[in-house]
Amino acid sequence: MDARVPELADTLLLIERELRMAGLWSDSAPSAQALASCEPFCVDTLAFEQWLQWVLLPRMKAILEGDRPLPQVSGISPMAEVAFVERPVGGLLAALQRFDRLLSGG
């Protein structure tokens, strides 16, 4: 098992917690069509927080639980900085930066 897995699992839980605390968590899933977007971060069909909740978190959970290879790099936090430029979500940004560092090896 990759030594980063426990810290990544904790970071994913922290991302979920921060989304909930910021009021960005949704109880209703987007449509299957919206989730099937081929664009990065589903920018044409989802708000960034929806992408985090309905795409990133489930995919990473499946990777960790399935003991599959981790992505080699992550650059989610720059997108988050743009998406949340007018929202006070410092804790969420910090969690996403941690996520990027863990996957990108630094």
PDB file of N, CA and C in Angstrom:
ATOM      1  N   MET A   1       0.839  -1.184   0.000  1.00  0.00           N
ATOM      2  CA  MET A   1       0.000   0.000   0.000  1.00  0.00           C
ATOM      3  C   MET A   1       0.886   1.251   0.000  1.00  0.00           C
ATOM      4  N   ASP A   2       0.478   2.227  -0.771  1.00  0.00           N
ATOM      5  CA  ASP A   2       1.179   3.509  -0.841  1.00  0.00           C
ATOM      6  C   ASP A   2       1.082   4.199   0.515  1.00  0.00           C
ATOM      7  N   ALA A   3       2.187   4.708   1.002  1.00  0.00           N
ATOM      8  CA  ALA A   3       2.239   5.336   2.325  1.00  0.00           C
ATOM      9  C   ALA A   3       1.383   6.594   2.421  1.00  0.00           C
ATOM     10  N   ARG A   4       1.011   7.170   1.284  1.00  0.00           N
ATOM     11  CA  ARG A   4       0.190   8.390   1.292  1.00  0.00           C
ATOM     12  C   ARG A   4      -1.291   8.127   1.490  1.00  0.00           C
ATOM     13  N   VAL A   5      -1.716   6.874   1.366  1.00  0.00           N
ATOM     14  CA  VAL A   5      -3.140   6.548   1.385  1.00  0.00           C
ATOM     15  C   VAL A   5      -3.842   7.025   2.657  1.00  0.00           C
ATOM     16  N   PRO A   6      -3.325   6.761   3.859  1.00  0.00           N
ATOM     17  CA  PRO A   6      -4.044   7.233   5.055  1.00  0.00           C
ATOM     18  C   PRO A   6      -4.214   8.756   5.088  1.00  0.00           C
ATOM     19  N   GLU A   7      -3.167   9.482   4.718  1.00  0.00           N
ATOM     20  CA  GLU A   7      -3.269  10.943   4.726  1.00  0.00           C
ATOM     21  C   GLU A   7      -4.200  11.440   3.620  1.00  0.00           C
ATOM     22  N   LEU A   8      -4.197  10.781   2.471  1.00  0.00           N
ATOM     23  CA  LEU A   8      -5.138  11.140   1.411  1.00  0.00           C
ATOM     24  C   LEU A   8      -6.578  10.892   1.845  1.00  0.00           C
ATOM     25  N   ALA A   9      -6.811   9.764   2.507  1.00  0.00           N
ATOM     26  CA  ALA A   9      -8.162   9.470   3.003  1.00  0.00           C
ATOM     27  C   ALA A   9      -8.623  10.550   3.982  1.00  0.00           C
ATOM     28  N   ASP A  10      -7.744  10.941   4.884  1.00  0.00           N
ATOM     29  CA  ASP A  10      -8.070  12.018   5.825  1.00  0.00           C
ATOM     30  C   ASP A  10      -8.346  13.323   5.087  1.00  0.00           C
ATOM     31  N   THR A  11      -7.572  13.602   4.065  1.00  0.00           N
ATOM     32  CA  THR A  11      -7.736  14.838   3.302  1.00  0.00           C
ATOM     33  C   THR A  11      -9.064  14.839   2.552  1.00  0.00           C
ATOM     34  N   LEU A  12      -9.463  13.706   2.005  1.00  0.00           N
ATOM     35  CA  LEU A  12     -10.761  13.628   1.330  1.00  0.00           C
ATOM     36  C   LEU A  12     -11.895  13.891   2.309  1.00  0.00           C
ATOM     37  N   LEU A  13     -11.782  13.351   3.513  1.00  0.00           N
ATOM     38  CA  LEU A  13     -12.801  13.626   4.540  1.00  0.00           C
ATOM     39  C   LEU A  13     -12.811  15.108   4.904  1.00  0.00           C
ATOM     40  N   LEU A  14     -11.637  15.702   4.956  1.00  0.00           N
ATOM     41  CA  LEU A  14     -11.537  17.127   5.265  1.00  0.00           C
ATOM     42  C   LEU A  14     -12.164  17.969   4.148  1.00  0.00           C
ATOM     43  N   ILE A  15     -11.950  17.595   2.905  1.00  0.00           N
ATOM     44  CA  ILE A  15     -12.565  18.312   1.786  1.00  0.00           C
ATOM     45  C   ILE A  15     -14.085  18.246   1.912  1.00  0.00           C
ATOM     46  N   GLU A  16     -14.612  17.060   2.194  1.00  0.00           N
ATOM     47  CA  GLU A  16     -16.067  16.934   2.371  1.00  0.00           C
ATOM     48  C   GLU A  16     -16.552  17.814   3.518  1.00  0.00           C
ATOM     49  N   ARG A  17     -15.853  17.774   4.626  1.00  0.00           N
ATOM     50  CA  ARG A  17     -16.231  18.586   5.793  1.00  0.00           C
ATOM     51  C   ARG A  17     -16.245  20.072   5.444  1.00  0.00           C
ATOM     52  N   GLU A  18     -15.216  20.529   4.743  1.00  0.00           N
ATOM     53  CA  GLU A  18     -15.128  21.941   4.380  1.00  0.00           C
ATOM     54  C   GLU A  18     -16.232  22.340   3.406  1.00  0.00           C
ATOM     55  N   LEU A  19     -16.566  21.459   2.462  1.00  0.00           N
ATOM     56  CA  LEU A  19     -17.685  21.731   1.558  1.00  0.00           C
ATOM     57  C   LEU A  19     -18.985  21.878   2.346  1.00  0.00           C
ATOM     58  N   ARG A  20     -19.206  20.991   3.288  1.00  0.00           N
ATOM     59  CA  ARG A  20     -20.419  21.059   4.112  1.00  0.00           C
ATOM     60  C   ARG A  20     -20.454  22.338   4.943  1.00  0.00           C
ATOM     61  N   MET A  21     -19.343  22.657   5.583  1.00  0.00           N
ATOM     62  CA  MET A  21     -19.295  23.839   6.446  1.00  0.00           C
ATOM     63  C   MET A  21     -19.492  25.132   5.649  1.00  0.00           C
ATOM     64  N   ALA A  22     -19.062  25.142   4.406  1.00  0.00           N
ATOM     65  CA  ALA A  22     -19.213  26.329   3.565  1.00  0.00           C
ATOM     66  C   ALA A  22     -20.596  26.402   2.910  1.00  0.00           C
ATOM     67  N   GLY A  23     -21.429  25.393   3.173  1.00  0.00           N
ATOM     68  CA  GLY A  23     -22.759  25.371   2.566  1.00  0.00           C
ATOM     69  C   GLY A  23     -22.727  25.013   1.088  1.00  0.00           C
ATOM     70  N   LEU A  24     -21.692  24.319   0.671  1.00  0.00           N
ATOM     71  CA  LEU A  24     -21.521  23.955  -0.733  1.00  0.00           C
ATOM     72  C   LEU A  24     -21.845  22.494  -1.025  1.00  0.00           C
ATOM     73  N   TRP A  25     -22.326  21.770  -0.033  1.00  0.00           N
ATOM     74  CA  TRP A  25     -22.656  20.349  -0.188  1.00  0.00           C
ATOM     75  C   TRP A  25     -24.107  20.239  -0.631  1.00  0.00           C
ATOM     76  N   SER A  26     -24.385  19.345  -1.563  1.00  0.00           N
ATOM     77  CA  SER A  26     -25.736  19.170  -2.081  1.00  0.00           C
ATOM     78  C   SER A  26     -26.246  17.772  -1.784  1.00  0.00           C
ATOM     79  N   ASP A  27     -27.530  17.680  -1.479  1.00  0.00           N
ATOM     80  CA  ASP A  27     -28.163  16.384  -1.254  1.00  0.00           C
ATOM     81  C   ASP A  27     -28.668  15.777  -2.558  1.00  0.00           C
ATOM     82  N   SER A  28     -28.712  16.584  -3.608  1.00  0.00           N
ATOM     83  CA  SER A  28     -29.236  16.131  -4.897  1.00  0.00           C
ATOM     84  C   SER A  28     -28.103  15.989  -5.905  1.00  0.00           C
ATOM     85  N   ALA A  29     -27.994  14.801  -6.457  1.00  0.00           N
ATOM     86  CA  ALA A  29     -26.950  14.551  -7.456  1.00  0.00           C
ATOM     87  C   ALA A  29     -27.307  15.215  -8.782  1.00  0.00           C
ATOM     88  N   PRO A  30     -26.296  15.686  -9.495  1.00  0.00           N
ATOM     89  CA  PRO A  30     -26.540  16.207 -10.849  1.00  0.00           C
ATOM     90  C   PRO A  30     -27.005  15.072 -11.762  1.00  0.00           C
ATOM     91  N   SER A  31     -27.527  15.431 -12.909  1.00  0.00           N
ATOM     92  CA  SER A  31     -27.979  14.418 -13.866  1.00  0.00           C
ATOM     93  C   SER A  31     -26.795  13.600 -14.379  1.00  0.00           C
ATOM     94  N   ALA A  32     -27.100  12.419 -14.865  1.00  0.00           N
ATOM     95  CA  ALA A  32     -26.064  11.566 -15.453  1.00  0.00           C
ATOM     96  C   ALA A  32     -25.407  12.278 -16.633  1.00  0.00           C
ATOM     97  N   GLN A  33     -26.183  13.034 -17.380  1.00  0.00           N
ATOM     98  CA  GLN A  33     -25.650  13.780 -18.526  1.00  0.00           C
ATOM     99  C   GLN A  33     -24.646  14.831 -18.061  1.00  0.00           C
ATOM    100  N   ALA A  34     -24.961  15.534 -16.975  1.00  0.00           N
ATOM    101  CA  ALA A  34     -24.042  16.550 -16.452  1.00  0.00           C
ATOM    102  C   ALA A  34     -22.743  15.909 -15.975  1.00  0.00           C
ATOM    103  N   LEU A  35     -22.852  14.750 -15.362  1.00  0.00           N
ATOM    104  CA  LEU A  35     -21.669  14.052 -14.848  1.00  0.00           C
ATOM    105  C   LEU A  35     -20.826  13.442 -15.963  1.00  0.00           C
ATOM    106  N   ALA A  36     -21.394  13.271 -17.134  1.00  0.00           N
ATOM    107  CA  ALA A  36     -20.690  12.637 -18.253  1.00  0.00           C
ATOM    108  C   ALA A  36     -19.887  13.625 -19.095  1.00  0.00           C
ATOM    109  N   SER A  37     -19.789  14.859 -18.665  1.00  0.00           N
ATOM    110  CA  SER A  37     -19.038  15.869 -19.419  1.00  0.00           C
ATOM    111  C   SER A  37     -17.609  15.403 -19.669  1.00  0.00           C
ATOM    112  N   CYS A  38     -17.096  15.757 -20.824  1.00  0.00           N
ATOM    113  CA  CYS A  38     -15.708  15.434 -21.171  1.00  0.00           C
ATOM    114  C   CYS A  38     -14.761  16.592 -20.875  1.00  0.00           C
ATOM    115  N   GLU A  39     -15.306  17.720 -20.471  1.00  0.00           N
ATOM    116  CA  GLU A  39     -14.492  18.901 -20.184  1.00  0.00           C
ATOM    117  C   GLU A  39     -13.790  18.750 -18.830  1.00  0.00           C
ATOM    118  N   PRO A  40     -12.591  19.323 -18.685  1.00  0.00           N
ATOM    119  CA  PRO A  40     -11.930  19.292 -17.376  1.00  0.00           C
ATOM    120  C   PRO A  40     -12.835  19.900 -16.306  1.00  0.00           C
ATOM    121  N   PHE A  41     -12.903  19.245 -15.172  1.00  0.00           N
ATOM    122  CA  PHE A  41     -13.714  19.680 -14.038  1.00  0.00           C
ATOM    123  C   PHE A  41     -15.204  19.806 -14.392  1.00  0.00           C
ATOM    124  N   CYS A  42     -15.623  19.240 -15.517  1.00  0.00           N
ATOM    125  CA  CYS A  42     -17.017  19.343 -15.985  1.00  0.00           C
ATOM    126  C   CYS A  42     -17.475  20.802 -16.015  1.00  0.00           C
ATOM    127  N   VAL A  43     -16.594  21.694 -16.427  1.00  0.00           N
ATOM    128  CA  VAL A  43     -16.892  23.131 -16.363  1.00  0.00           C
ATOM    129  C   VAL A  43     -18.109  23.534 -17.180  1.00  0.00           C
ATOM    130  N   ASP A  44     -18.469  22.728 -18.159  1.00  0.00           N
ATOM    131  CA  ASP A  44     -19.623  23.066 -18.984  1.00  0.00           C
ATOM    132  C   ASP A  44     -20.944  22.610 -18.384  1.00  0.00           C
ATOM    133  N   THR A  45     -20.887  21.766 -17.349  1.00  0.00           N
ATOM    134  CA  THR A  45     -22.146  21.220 -16.819  1.00  0.00           C
ATOM    135  C   THR A  45     -22.294  21.320 -15.301  1.00  0.00           C
ATOM    136  N   LEU A  46     -21.202  21.513 -14.568  1.00  0.00           N
ATOM    137  CA  LEU A  46     -21.258  21.517 -13.104  1.00  0.00           C
ATOM    138  C   LEU A  46     -20.567  22.738 -12.525  1.00  0.00           C
ATOM    139  N   ALA A  47     -21.042  23.172 -11.369  1.00  0.00           N
ATOM    140  CA  ALA A  47     -20.289  24.139 -10.572  1.00  0.00           C
ATOM    141  C   ALA A  47     -19.085  23.384 -10.001  1.00  0.00           C
ATOM    142  N   PHE A  48     -18.019  24.090  -9.697  1.00  0.00           N
ATOM    143  CA  PHE A  48     -16.809  23.424  -9.219  1.00  0.00           C
ATOM    144  C   PHE A  48     -17.069  22.594  -7.960  1.00  0.00           C
ATOM    145  N   GLU A  49     -17.868  23.131  -7.026  1.00  0.00           N
ATOM    146  CA  GLU A  49     -18.153  22.371  -5.807  1.00  0.00           C
ATOM    147  C   GLU A  49     -18.926  21.090  -6.112  1.00  0.00           C
ATOM    148  N   GLN A  50     -19.757  21.108  -7.155  1.00  0.00           N
ATOM    149  CA  GLN A  50     -20.454  19.883  -7.556  1.00  0.00           C
ATOM    150  C   GLN A  50     -19.446  18.871  -8.090  1.00  0.00           C
ATOM    151  N   TRP A  51     -18.489  19.343  -8.872  1.00  0.00           N
ATOM    152  CA  TRP A  51     -17.467  18.444  -9.399  1.00  0.00           C
ATOM    153  C   TRP A  51     -16.686  17.810  -8.254  1.00  0.00           C
ATOM    154  N   LEU A  52     -16.312  18.609  -7.261  1.00  0.00           N
ATOM    155  CA  LEU A  52     -15.596  18.055  -6.109  1.00  0.00           C
ATOM    156  C   LEU A  52     -16.418  16.959  -5.443  1.00  0.00           C
ATOM    157  N   GLN A  53     -17.686  17.255  -5.171  1.00  0.00           N
ATOM    158  CA  GLN A  53     -18.541  16.322  -4.440  1.00  0.00           C
ATOM    159  C   GLN A  53     -18.900  15.079  -5.241  1.00  0.00           C
ATOM    160  N   TRP A  54     -19.264  15.254  -6.494  1.00  0.00           N
ATOM    161  CA  TRP A  54     -19.846  14.154  -7.259  1.00  0.00           C
ATOM    162  C   TRP A  54     -18.874  13.453  -8.193  1.00  0.00           C
ATOM    163  N   VAL A  55     -17.688  14.029  -8.416  1.00  0.00           N
ATOM    164  CA  VAL A  55     -16.706  13.401  -9.307  1.00  0.00           C
ATOM    165  C   VAL A  55     -15.418  13.081  -8.545  1.00  0.00           C
ATOM    166  N   LEU A  56     -14.753  14.116  -8.040  1.00  0.00           N
ATOM    167  CA  LEU A  56     -13.454  13.896  -7.386  1.00  0.00           C
ATOM    168  C   LEU A  56     -13.554  12.959  -6.186  1.00  0.00           C
ATOM    169  N   LEU A  57     -14.414  13.286  -5.237  1.00  0.00           N
ATOM    170  CA  LEU A  57     -14.468  12.481  -4.009  1.00  0.00           C
ATOM    171  C   LEU A  57     -14.822  11.021  -4.289  1.00  0.00           C
ATOM    172  N   PRO A  58     -15.870  10.717  -5.086  1.00  0.00           N
ATOM    173  CA  PRO A  58     -16.157   9.301  -5.358  1.00  0.00           C
ATOM    174  C   PRO A  58     -15.044   8.578  -6.116  1.00  0.00           C
ATOM    175  N   ARG A  59     -14.432   9.259  -7.074  1.00  0.00           N
ATOM    176  CA  ARG A  59     -13.356   8.608  -7.843  1.00  0.00           C
ATOM    177  C   ARG A  59     -12.149   8.313  -6.958  1.00  0.00           C
ATOM    178  N   MET A  60     -11.782   9.269  -6.131  1.00  0.00           N
ATOM    179  CA  MET A  60     -10.633   9.044  -5.256  1.00  0.00           C
ATOM    180  C   MET A  60     -10.943   7.972  -4.211  1.00  0.00           C
ATOM    181  N   LYS A  61     -12.159   7.953  -3.710  1.00  0.00           N
ATOM    182  CA  LYS A  61     -12.550   6.911  -2.750  1.00  0.00           C
ATOM    183  C   LYS A  61     -12.421   5.534  -3.407  1.00  0.00           C
ATOM    184  N   ALA A  62     -12.877   5.414  -4.643  1.00  0.00           N
ATOM    185  CA  ALA A  62     -12.780   4.138  -5.360  1.00  0.00           C
ATOM    186  C   ALA A  62     -11.319   3.736  -5.575  1.00  0.00           C
ATOM    187  N   ILE A  63     -10.475   4.694  -5.889  1.00  0.00           N
ATOM    188  CA  ILE A  63      -9.049   4.408  -6.076  1.00  0.00           C
ATOM    189  C   ILE A  63      -8.437   3.902  -4.773  1.00  0.00           C
ATOM    190  N   LEU A  64      -8.725   4.602  -3.671  1.00  0.00           N
ATOM    191  CA  LEU A  64      -8.148   4.213  -2.382  1.00  0.00           C
ATOM    192  C   LEU A  64      -8.679   2.861  -1.922  1.00  0.00           C
ATOM    193  N   GLU A  65      -9.985   2.664  -2.023  1.00  0.00           N
ATOM    194  CA  GLU A  65     -10.583   1.402  -1.564  1.00  0.00           C
ATOM    195  C   GLU A  65     -10.194   0.227  -2.447  1.00  0.00           C
ATOM    196  N   GLY A  66      -9.968   0.494  -3.735  1.00  0.00           N
ATOM    197  CA  GLY A  66      -9.601  -0.565  -4.659  1.00  0.00           C
ATOM    198  C   GLY A  66      -8.107  -0.809  -4.719  1.00  0.00           C
ATOM    199  N   ASP A  67      -7.350  -0.086  -3.887  1.00  0.00           N
ATOM    200  CA  ASP A  67      -5.892  -0.204  -3.857  1.00  0.00           C
ATOM    201  C   ASP A  67      -5.299  -0.055  -5.258  1.00  0.00           C
ATOM    202  N   ARG A  68      -5.861   0.898  -5.997  1.00  0.00           N
ATOM    203  CA  ARG A  68      -5.376   1.179  -7.351  1.00  0.00           C
ATOM    204  C   ARG A  68      -4.259   2.220  -7.296  1.00  0.00           C
ATOM    205  N   PRO A  69      -3.476   2.327  -8.352  1.00  0.00           N
ATOM    206  CA  PRO A  69      -2.402   3.331  -8.372  1.00  0.00           C
ATOM    207  C   PRO A  69      -2.972   4.743  -8.242  1.00  0.00           C
ATOM    208  N   LEU A  70      -2.272   5.545  -7.474  1.00  0.00           N
ATOM    209  CA  LEU A  70      -2.687   6.935  -7.289  1.00  0.00           C
ATOM    210  C   LEU A  70      -2.291   7.769  -8.496  1.00  0.00           C
ATOM    211  N   PRO A  71      -3.062   8.822  -8.784  1.00  0.00           N
ATOM    212  CA  PRO A  71      -2.630   9.747  -9.831  1.00  0.00           C
ATOM    213  C   PRO A  71      -1.246  10.300  -9.484  1.00  0.00           C
ATOM    214  N   GLN A  72      -0.469  10.613 -10.487  1.00  0.00           N
ATOM    215  CA  GLN A  72       0.905  11.072 -10.275  1.00  0.00           C
ATOM    216  C   GLN A  72       1.011  12.561 -10.004  1.00  0.00           C
ATOM    217  N   VAL A  73      -0.036  13.297 -10.353  1.00  0.00           N
ATOM    218  CA  VAL A  73       0.000  14.742 -10.182  1.00  0.00           C
ATOM    219  C   VAL A  73      -1.429  15.240  -9.992  1.00  0.00           C
ATOM    220  N   SER A  74      -1.553  16.350  -9.306  1.00  0.00           N
ATOM    221  CA  SER A  74      -2.863  16.982  -9.125  1.00  0.00           C
ATOM    222  C   SER A  74      -2.681  18.485  -9.161  1.00  0.00           C
ATOM    223  N   GLY A  75      -3.586  19.141  -9.824  1.00  0.00           N
ATOM    224  CA  GLY A  75      -3.568  20.598  -9.903  1.00  0.00           C
ATOM    225  C   GLY A  75      -4.949  21.171  -9.677  1.00  0.00           C
ATOM    226  N   ILE A  76      -5.614  20.691  -8.646  1.00  0.00           N
ATOM    227  CA  ILE A  76      -6.984  21.115  -8.370  1.00  0.00           C
ATOM    228  C   ILE A  76      -7.039  22.469  -7.671  1.00  0.00           C
ATOM    229  N   SER A  77      -6.099  22.751  -6.798  1.00  0.00           N
ATOM    230  CA  SER A  77      -6.195  23.980  -6.003  1.00  0.00           C
ATOM    231  C   SER A  77      -6.171  25.257  -6.844  1.00  0.00           C
ATOM    232  N   PRO A  78      -5.401  25.347  -7.943  1.00  0.00           N
ATOM    233  CA  PRO A  78      -5.492  26.572  -8.749  1.00  0.00           C
ATOM    234  C   PRO A  78      -6.898  26.803  -9.314  1.00  0.00           C
ATOM    235  N   MET A  79      -7.557  25.719  -9.727  1.00  0.00           N
ATOM    236  CA  MET A  79      -8.933  25.849 -10.216  1.00  0.00           C
ATOM    237  C   MET A  79      -9.847  26.305  -9.089  1.00  0.00           C
ATOM    238  N   ALA A  80      -9.637  25.776  -7.907  1.00  0.00           N
ATOM    239  CA  ALA A  80     -10.455  26.156  -6.754  1.00  0.00           C
ATOM    240  C   ALA A  80     -10.278  27.634  -6.422  1.00  0.00           C
ATOM    241  N   GLU A  81      -9.047  28.111  -6.523  1.00  0.00           N
ATOM    242  CA  GLU A  81      -8.789  29.526  -6.234  1.00  0.00           C
ATOM    243  C   GLU A  81      -9.573  30.427  -7.181  1.00  0.00           C
ATOM    244  N   VAL A  82      -9.694  30.022  -8.435  1.00  0.00           N
ATOM    245  CA  VAL A  82     -10.466  30.792  -9.407  1.00  0.00           C
ATOM    246  C   VAL A  82     -11.962  30.641  -9.124  1.00  0.00           C
ATOM    247  N   ALA A  83     -12.405  29.409  -8.905  1.00  0.00           N
ATOM    248  CA  ALA A  83     -13.831  29.141  -8.705  1.00  0.00           C
ATOM    249  C   ALA A  83     -14.381  29.820  -7.454  1.00  0.00           C
ATOM    250  N   PHE A  84     -13.558  29.910  -6.417  1.00  0.00           N
ATOM    251  CA  PHE A  84     -14.035  30.435  -5.142  1.00  0.00           C
ATOM    252  C   PHE A  84     -13.453  31.812  -4.816  1.00  0.00           C
ATOM    253  N   VAL A  85     -13.054  32.543  -5.836  1.00  0.00           N
ATOM    254  CA  VAL A  85     -12.384  33.822  -5.614  1.00  0.00           C
ATOM    255  C   VAL A  85     -13.218  34.773  -4.753  1.00  0.00           C
ATOM    256  N   GLU A  86     -14.527  34.700  -4.833  1.00  0.00           N
ATOM    257  CA  GLU A  86     -15.385  35.614  -4.075  1.00  0.00           C
ATOM    258  C   GLU A  86     -16.047  34.956  -2.870  1.00  0.00           C
ATOM    259  N   ARG A  87     -15.590  33.777  -2.490  1.00  0.00           N
ATOM    260  CA  ARG A  87     -16.174  33.061  -1.350  1.00  0.00           C
ATOM    261  C   ARG A  87     -15.106  32.840  -0.281  1.00  0.00           C
ATOM    262  N   PRO A  88     -15.497  32.970   0.977  1.00  0.00           N
ATOM    263  CA  PRO A  88     -14.539  32.726   2.067  1.00  0.00           C
ATOM    264  C   PRO A  88     -14.429  31.227   2.371  1.00  0.00           C
ATOM    265  N   VAL A  89     -13.600  30.536   1.629  1.00  0.00           N
ATOM    266  CA  VAL A  89     -13.459  29.079   1.797  1.00  0.00           C
ATOM    267  C   VAL A  89     -11.993  28.702   2.031  1.00  0.00           C
ATOM    268  N   GLY A  90     -11.335  29.433   2.913  1.00  0.00           N
ATOM    269  CA  GLY A  90      -9.918  29.202   3.163  1.00  0.00           C
ATOM    270  C   GLY A  90      -9.600  27.788   3.591  1.00  0.00           C
ATOM    271  N   GLY A  91     -10.445  27.184   4.433  1.00  0.00           N
ATOM    272  CA  GLY A  91     -10.209  25.814   4.876  1.00  0.00           C
ATOM    273  C   GLY A  91     -10.293  24.821   3.730  1.00  0.00           C
ATOM    274  N   LEU A  92     -11.232  25.044   2.831  1.00  0.00           N
ATOM    275  CA  LEU A  92     -11.370  24.174   1.662  1.00  0.00           C
ATOM    276  C   LEU A  92     -10.160  24.329   0.743  1.00  0.00           C
ATOM    277  N   LEU A  93      -9.737  25.550   0.522  1.00  0.00           N
ATOM    278  CA  LEU A  93      -8.556  25.765  -0.324  1.00  0.00           C
ATOM    279  C   LEU A  93      -7.328  25.097   0.278  1.00  0.00           C
ATOM    280  N   ALA A  94      -7.167  25.207   1.583  1.00  0.00           N
ATOM    281  CA  ALA A  94      -6.023  24.570   2.251  1.00  0.00           C
ATOM    282  C   ALA A  94      -6.081  23.051   2.093  1.00  0.00           C
ATOM    283  N   ALA A  95      -7.263  22.466   2.217  1.00  0.00           N
ATOM    284  CA  ALA A  95      -7.412  21.018   2.061  1.00  0.00           C
ATOM    285  C   ALA A  95      -7.092  20.586   0.636  1.00  0.00           C
ATOM    286  N   LEU A  96      -7.514  21.376  -0.345  1.00  0.00           N
ATOM    287  CA  LEU A  96      -7.226  21.038  -1.740  1.00  0.00           C
ATOM    288  C   LEU A  96      -5.744  21.214  -2.063  1.00  0.00           C
ATOM    289  N   GLN A  97      -5.103  22.190  -1.454  1.00  0.00           N
ATOM    290  CA  GLN A  97      -3.652  22.350  -1.632  1.00  0.00           C
ATOM    291  C   GLN A  97      -2.909  21.147  -1.038  1.00  0.00           C
ATOM    292  N   ARG A  98      -3.364  20.689   0.112  1.00  0.00           N
ATOM    293  CA  ARG A  98      -2.770  19.505   0.746  1.00  0.00           C
ATOM    294  C   ARG A  98      -2.939  18.288  -0.164  1.00  0.00           C
ATOM    295  N   PHE A  99      -4.142  18.140  -0.728  1.00  0.00           N
ATOM    296  CA  PHE A  99      -4.427  17.050  -1.652  1.00  0.00           C
ATOM    297  C   PHE A  99      -3.456  17.088  -2.841  1.00  0.00           C
ATOM    298  N   ASP A 100      -3.292  18.276  -3.435  1.00  0.00           N
ATOM    299  CA  ASP A 100      -2.357  18.428  -4.552  1.00  0.00           C
ATOM    300  C   ASP A 100      -0.936  18.045  -4.160  1.00  0.00           C
ATOM    301  N   ARG A 101      -0.498  18.513  -3.006  1.00  0.00           N
ATOM    302  CA  ARG A 101       0.886  18.214  -2.543  1.00  0.00           C
ATOM    303  C   ARG A 101       1.075  16.709  -2.348  1.00  0.00           C
ATOM    304  N   LEU A 102       0.101  16.051  -1.753  1.00  0.00           N
ATOM    305  CA  LEU A 102       0.222  14.613  -1.518  1.00  0.00           C
ATOM    306  C   LEU A 102       0.353  13.835  -2.815  1.00  0.00           C
ATOM    307  N   LEU A 103      -0.452  14.191  -3.803  1.00  0.00           N
ATOM    308  CA  LEU A 103      -0.405  13.461  -5.067  1.00  0.00           C
ATOM    309  C   LEU A 103       0.778  13.844  -5.927  1.00  0.00           C
ATOM    310  N   SER A 104       1.204  15.077  -5.821  1.00  0.00           N
ATOM    311  CA  SER A 104       2.286  15.548  -6.684  1.00  0.00           C
ATOM    312  C   SER A 104       3.663  15.319  -6.064  1.00  0.00           C
ATOM    313  N   GLY A 105       3.692  14.692  -4.896  1.00  0.00           N
ATOM    314  CA  GLY A 105       4.955  14.296  -4.306  1.00  0.00           C
ATOM    315  C   GLY A 105       5.727  15.395  -3.607  1.00  0.00           C
ATOM    316  N   GLY A 106       5.052  16.457  -3.256  1.00  0.00           N
ATOM    317  CA  GLY A 106       5.797  17.491  -2.571  1.00  0.00           C
ATOM    318  C   GLY A 106       4.919  18.256  -1.668  1.00  0.00           C
TER     319      GLY A 106
END
